[in-house]
PDB file of N, CA and C in Angstrom:
ATOM      1  N   MET A   1       4.957 -21.071   2.851  1.00  0.00           N
ATOM      2  CA  MET A   1       6.173 -20.768   2.935  1.00  0.00           C
ATOM      3  C   MET A   1       6.513 -19.584   2.626  1.00  0.00           C
ATOM      4  N   GLN A   2       5.936 -18.655   1.773  1.00  0.00           N
ATOM      5  CA  GLN A   2       5.928 -17.143   1.750  1.00  0.00           C
ATOM      6  C   GLN A   2       5.684 -16.504   3.117  1.00  0.00           C
ATOM      7  N   ILE A   3       4.500 -16.685   3.523  1.00  0.00           N
ATOM      8  CA  ILE A   3       3.967 -16.450   4.936  1.00  0.00           C
ATOM      9  C   ILE A   3       4.641 -16.299   5.835  1.00  0.00           C
ATOM     10  N   ARG A   4       5.862 -17.626   6.160  1.00  0.00           N
ATOM     11  CA  ARG A   4       6.586 -17.585   7.255  1.00  0.00           C
ATOM     12  C   ARG A   4       7.840 -16.930   6.948  1.00  0.00           C
ATOM     13  N   ASN A   5       8.362 -16.304   5.470  1.00  0.00           N
ATOM     14  CA  ASN A   5       9.219 -15.615   5.719  1.00  0.00           C
ATOM     15  C   ASN A   5       8.971 -13.844   6.087  1.00  0.00           C
ATOM     16  N   TRP A   6       7.933 -13.701   5.045  1.00  0.00           N
ATOM     17  CA  TRP A   6       7.117 -12.499   5.674  1.00  0.00           C
ATOM     18  C   TRP A   6       6.790 -11.800   6.725  1.00  0.00           C
ATOM     19  N   THR A   7       6.723 -13.245   7.800  1.00  0.00           N
ATOM     20  CA  THR A   7       6.624 -12.832   9.371  1.00  0.00           C
ATOM     21  C   THR A   7       7.644 -13.101   9.658  1.00  0.00           C
ATOM     22  N   LYS A   8       8.799 -13.516   9.558  1.00  0.00           N
ATOM     23  CA  LYS A   8      10.361 -13.558  10.198  1.00  0.00           C
ATOM     24  C   LYS A   8      11.124 -12.237   9.791  1.00  0.00           C
ATOM     25  N   ALA A   9      10.814 -11.378   8.715  1.00  0.00           N
ATOM     26  CA  ALA A   9      10.717 -10.087   8.441  1.00  0.00           C
ATOM     27  C   ALA A   9      10.714  -8.957   8.725  1.00  0.00           C
ATOM     28  N   GLY A  10       9.056  -9.187   9.454  1.00  0.00           N
ATOM     29  CA  GLY A  10       8.524  -7.967  10.399  1.00  0.00           C
ATOM     30  C   GLY A  10       8.376  -6.560   9.551  1.00  0.00           C
ATOM     31  N   SER A  11       8.512  -6.604   8.619  1.00  0.00           N
ATOM     32  CA  SER A  11       7.826  -5.423   7.847  1.00  0.00           C
ATOM     33  C   SER A  11       6.452  -5.608   7.792  1.00  0.00           C
ATOM     34  N   LEU A  12       6.194  -3.999   7.437  1.00  0.00           N
ATOM     35  CA  LEU A  12       4.729  -4.130   7.271  1.00  0.00           C
ATOM     36  C   LEU A  12       4.516  -4.616   6.005  1.00  0.00           C
ATOM     37  N   ILE A  13       2.929  -5.639   5.996  1.00  0.00           N
ATOM     38  CA  ILE A  13       2.729  -5.862   4.752  1.00  0.00           C
ATOM     39  C   ILE A  13       1.232  -6.262   4.564  1.00  0.00           C
ATOM     40  N   ALA A  14       0.859  -6.364   3.431  1.00  0.00           N
ATOM     41  CA  ALA A  14      -0.553  -6.571   2.927  1.00  0.00           C
ATOM     42  C   ALA A  14      -0.719  -7.632   1.654  1.00  0.00           C
ATOM     43  N   LYS A  15      -1.061  -8.709   1.788  1.00  0.00           N
ATOM     44  CA  LYS A  15      -0.854  -9.360   0.578  1.00  0.00           C
ATOM     45  C   LYS A  15      -2.325 -10.223   0.157  1.00  0.00           C
ATOM     46  N   ALA A  16      -3.151  -9.760  -0.936  1.00  0.00           N
ATOM     47  CA  ALA A  16      -4.365 -10.397  -1.067  1.00  0.00           C
ATOM     48  C   ALA A  16      -4.324 -11.182  -2.595  1.00  0.00           C
ATOM     49  N   ASP A  17      -4.984 -12.295  -2.144  1.00  0.00           N
ATOM     50  CA  ASP A  17      -5.366 -12.999  -3.181  1.00  0.00           C
ATOM     51  C   ASP A  17      -5.592 -12.930  -4.689  1.00  0.00           C
ATOM     52  N   GLY A  18      -6.309 -11.880  -4.747  1.00  0.00           N
ATOM     53  CA  GLY A  18      -7.898 -11.192  -5.795  1.00  0.00           C
ATOM     54  C   GLY A  18      -8.842 -11.433  -5.588  1.00  0.00           C
ATOM     55  N   ASP A  19      -9.545 -12.433  -4.389  1.00  0.00           N
ATOM     56  CA  ASP A  19     -10.584 -12.945  -4.276  1.00  0.00           C
ATOM     57  C   ASP A  19     -11.534 -12.522  -3.244  1.00  0.00           C
ATOM     58  N   GLY A  20     -10.462 -11.688  -2.242  1.00  0.00           N
ATOM     59  CA  GLY A  20     -10.863 -10.948  -0.921  1.00  0.00           C
ATOM     60  C   GLY A  20     -10.167 -11.429  -0.093  1.00  0.00           C
ATOM     61  N   LEU A  21      -9.411 -12.214  -0.227  1.00  0.00           N
ATOM     62  CA  LEU A  21      -8.893 -12.976   1.244  1.00  0.00           C
ATOM     63  C   LEU A  21      -7.504 -12.415   1.017  1.00  0.00           C
ATOM     64  N   THR A  22      -6.607 -11.455   2.551  1.00  0.00           N
ATOM     65  CA  THR A  22      -5.772 -10.845   2.599  1.00  0.00           C
ATOM     66  C   THR A  22      -5.282 -11.069   4.150  1.00  0.00           C
ATOM     67  N   PHE A  23      -3.786 -11.120   3.667  1.00  0.00           N
ATOM     68  CA  PHE A  23      -3.394 -11.304   4.610  1.00  0.00           C
ATOM     69  C   PHE A  23      -2.403 -10.206   5.589  1.00  0.00           C
ATOM     70  N   THR A  24      -2.356  -9.785   6.289  1.00  0.00           N
ATOM     71  CA  THR A  24      -1.710  -8.497   6.782  1.00  0.00           C
ATOM     72  C   THR A  24      -0.779  -8.950   8.093  1.00  0.00           C
ATOM     73  N   LEU A  25       0.169  -7.700   8.156  1.00  0.00           N
ATOM     74  CA  LEU A  25       0.813  -8.076   8.936  1.00  0.00           C
ATOM     75  C   LEU A  25       1.469  -6.658   9.631  1.00  0.00           C
ATOM     76  N   SER A  26       0.849  -6.304  10.563  1.00  0.00           N
ATOM     77  CA  SER A  26       1.554  -4.887  11.512  1.00  0.00           C
ATOM     78  C   SER A  26       3.137  -4.619  12.130  1.00  0.00           C
ATOM     79  N   ALA A  27       3.236  -3.458  12.466  1.00  0.00           N
ATOM     80  CA  ALA A  27       4.420  -3.105  12.579  1.00  0.00           C
ATOM     81  C   ALA A  27       5.299  -3.900  13.898  1.00  0.00           C
ATOM     82  N   LYS A  28       4.257  -4.329  14.463  1.00  0.00           N
ATOM     83  CA  LYS A  28       4.430  -4.552  15.868  1.00  0.00           C
ATOM     84  C   LYS A  28       4.855  -6.772  15.688  1.00  0.00           C
ATOM     85  N   GLY A  29       4.196  -6.888  14.751  1.00  0.00           N
ATOM     86  CA  GLY A  29       4.344  -7.959  14.212  1.00  0.00           C
ATOM     87  C   GLY A  29       2.698  -8.939  14.546  1.00  0.00           C
ATOM     88  N   THR A  30       1.577  -8.429  14.723  1.00  0.00           N
ATOM     89  CA  THR A  30       0.296  -9.124  14.487  1.00  0.00           C
ATOM     90  C   THR A  30      -0.107  -9.465  13.281  1.00  0.00           C
ATOM     91  N   ALA A  31      -0.212 -10.900  12.906  1.00  0.00           N
ATOM     92  CA  ALA A  31      -0.733 -11.507  11.903  1.00  0.00           C
ATOM     93  C   ALA A  31      -1.985 -11.450  11.696  1.00  0.00           C
ATOM     94  N   SER A  32      -2.745 -11.371  10.202  1.00  0.00           N
ATOM     95  CA  SER A  32      -4.189 -11.748  10.567  1.00  0.00           C
ATOM     96  C   SER A  32      -4.449 -11.747   9.375  1.00  0.00           C
ATOM     97  N   TRP A  33      -5.354 -12.507   9.366  1.00  0.00           N
ATOM     98  CA  TRP A  33      -6.357 -12.934   7.917  1.00  0.00           C
ATOM     99  C   TRP A  33      -7.366 -12.242   7.859  1.00  0.00           C
ATOM    100  N   ILE A  34      -7.683 -11.132   6.855  1.00  0.00           N
ATOM    101  CA  ILE A  34      -8.987 -10.496   6.286  1.00  0.00           C
ATOM    102  C   ILE A  34      -9.778 -11.074   5.466  1.00  0.00           C
ATOM    103  N   LEU A  35     -10.956 -11.229   4.962  1.00  0.00           N
ATOM    104  CA  LEU A  35     -11.628 -11.848   4.189  1.00  0.00           C
ATOM    105  C   LEU A  35     -12.379 -10.557   3.486  1.00  0.00           C
ATOM    106  N   ARG A  36     -12.854  -9.905   2.705  1.00  0.00           N
ATOM    107  CA  ARG A  36     -13.866  -9.354   2.218  1.00  0.00           C
ATOM    108  C   ARG A  36     -14.798  -9.523   1.013  1.00  0.00           C
ATOM    109  N   TYR A  37     -15.974  -9.524   1.466  1.00  0.00           N
ATOM    110  CA  TYR A  37     -17.313  -9.471   0.658  1.00  0.00           C
ATOM    111  C   TYR A  37     -17.782  -8.282   0.567  1.00  0.00           C
ATOM    112  N   ARG A  38     -18.731  -8.528  -0.402  1.00  0.00           N
ATOM    113  CA  ARG A  38     -19.692  -7.543  -0.806  1.00  0.00           C
ATOM    114  C   ARG A  38     -21.684  -7.818  -0.634  1.00  0.00           C
ATOM    115  N   THR A  39     -22.265  -7.030  -0.419  1.00  0.00           N
ATOM    116  CA  THR A  39     -23.069  -7.328  -0.116  1.00  0.00           C
ATOM    117  C   THR A  39     -24.025  -6.280  -0.696  1.00  0.00           C
ATOM    118  N   VAL A  40     -25.112  -5.467  -0.246  1.00  0.00           N
ATOM    119  CA  VAL A  40     -25.358  -4.075  -0.258  1.00  0.00           C
ATOM    120  C   VAL A  40     -24.423  -3.570  -0.215  1.00  0.00           C
ATOM    121  N   HIS A  41     -24.009  -3.434   1.500  1.00  0.00           N
ATOM    122  CA  HIS A  41     -22.790  -2.935   1.823  1.00  0.00           C
ATOM    123  C   HIS A  41     -21.792  -3.520   2.132  1.00  0.00           C
ATOM    124  N   PRO A  42     -20.198  -2.901   1.535  1.00  0.00           N
ATOM    125  CA  PRO A  42     -19.135  -3.763   2.006  1.00  0.00           C
ATOM    126  C   PRO A  42     -18.910  -4.330   3.023  1.00  0.00           C
ATOM    127  N   ILE A  43     -18.183  -5.238   3.381  1.00  0.00           N
ATOM    128  CA  ILE A  43     -18.348  -6.187   4.798  1.00  0.00           C
ATOM    129  C   ILE A  43     -16.936  -6.625   4.865  1.00  0.00           C
ATOM    130  N   SER A  44     -15.878  -6.207   5.868  1.00  0.00           N
ATOM    131  CA  SER A  44     -14.610  -6.983   6.449  1.00  0.00           C
ATOM    132  C   SER A  44     -14.856  -7.390   7.402  1.00  0.00           C
ATOM    133  N   LEU A  45     -14.282  -9.162   6.967  1.00  0.00           N
ATOM    134  CA  LEU A  45     -14.248  -9.681   8.049  1.00  0.00           C
ATOM    135  C   LEU A  45     -13.153 -10.589   8.691  1.00  0.00           C
ATOM    136  N   ARG A  46     -12.547  -9.983   9.850  1.00  0.00           N
ATOM    137  CA  ARG A  46     -11.412 -10.668  10.569  1.00  0.00           C
ATOM    138  C   ARG A  46     -11.246 -12.135  10.694  1.00  0.00           C
ATOM    139  N   LEU A  47     -10.504 -13.029  10.263  1.00  0.00           N
ATOM    140  CA  LEU A  47     -10.668 -14.304  10.251  1.00  0.00           C
ATOM    141  C   LEU A  47      -9.775 -15.393  11.480  1.00  0.00           C
ATOM    142  N   CYS A  48      -8.872 -14.569  11.440  1.00  0.00           N
ATOM    143  CA  CYS A  48      -7.971 -15.287  12.751  1.00  0.00           C
ATOM    144  C   CYS A  48      -6.579 -13.901  13.137  1.00  0.00           C
ATOM    145  N   ARG A  49      -6.164 -14.262  14.063  1.00  0.00           N
ATOM    146  CA  ARG A  49      -5.454 -13.128  14.415  1.00  0.00           C
ATOM    147  C   ARG A  49      -4.381 -13.588  15.276  1.00  0.00           C
ATOM    148  N   ARG A  50      -2.850 -13.500  15.263  1.00  0.00           N
ATOM    149  CA  ARG A  50      -2.268 -13.974  16.032  1.00  0.00           C
ATOM    150  C   ARG A  50      -1.068 -13.149  16.058  1.00  0.00           C
TER     151      ARG A  50
END
């Protein structure tokens, strides 16, 4: 429900769950989920883009 409100508002946002999963919304309205985790080198993986 919160994600729908954030996308309707249309402002820049990055909300993390604390375990490496982040929802981002750009100024142009592009929404995406990013998963970050650590190995020897930090890795960032974009899961979904809409």
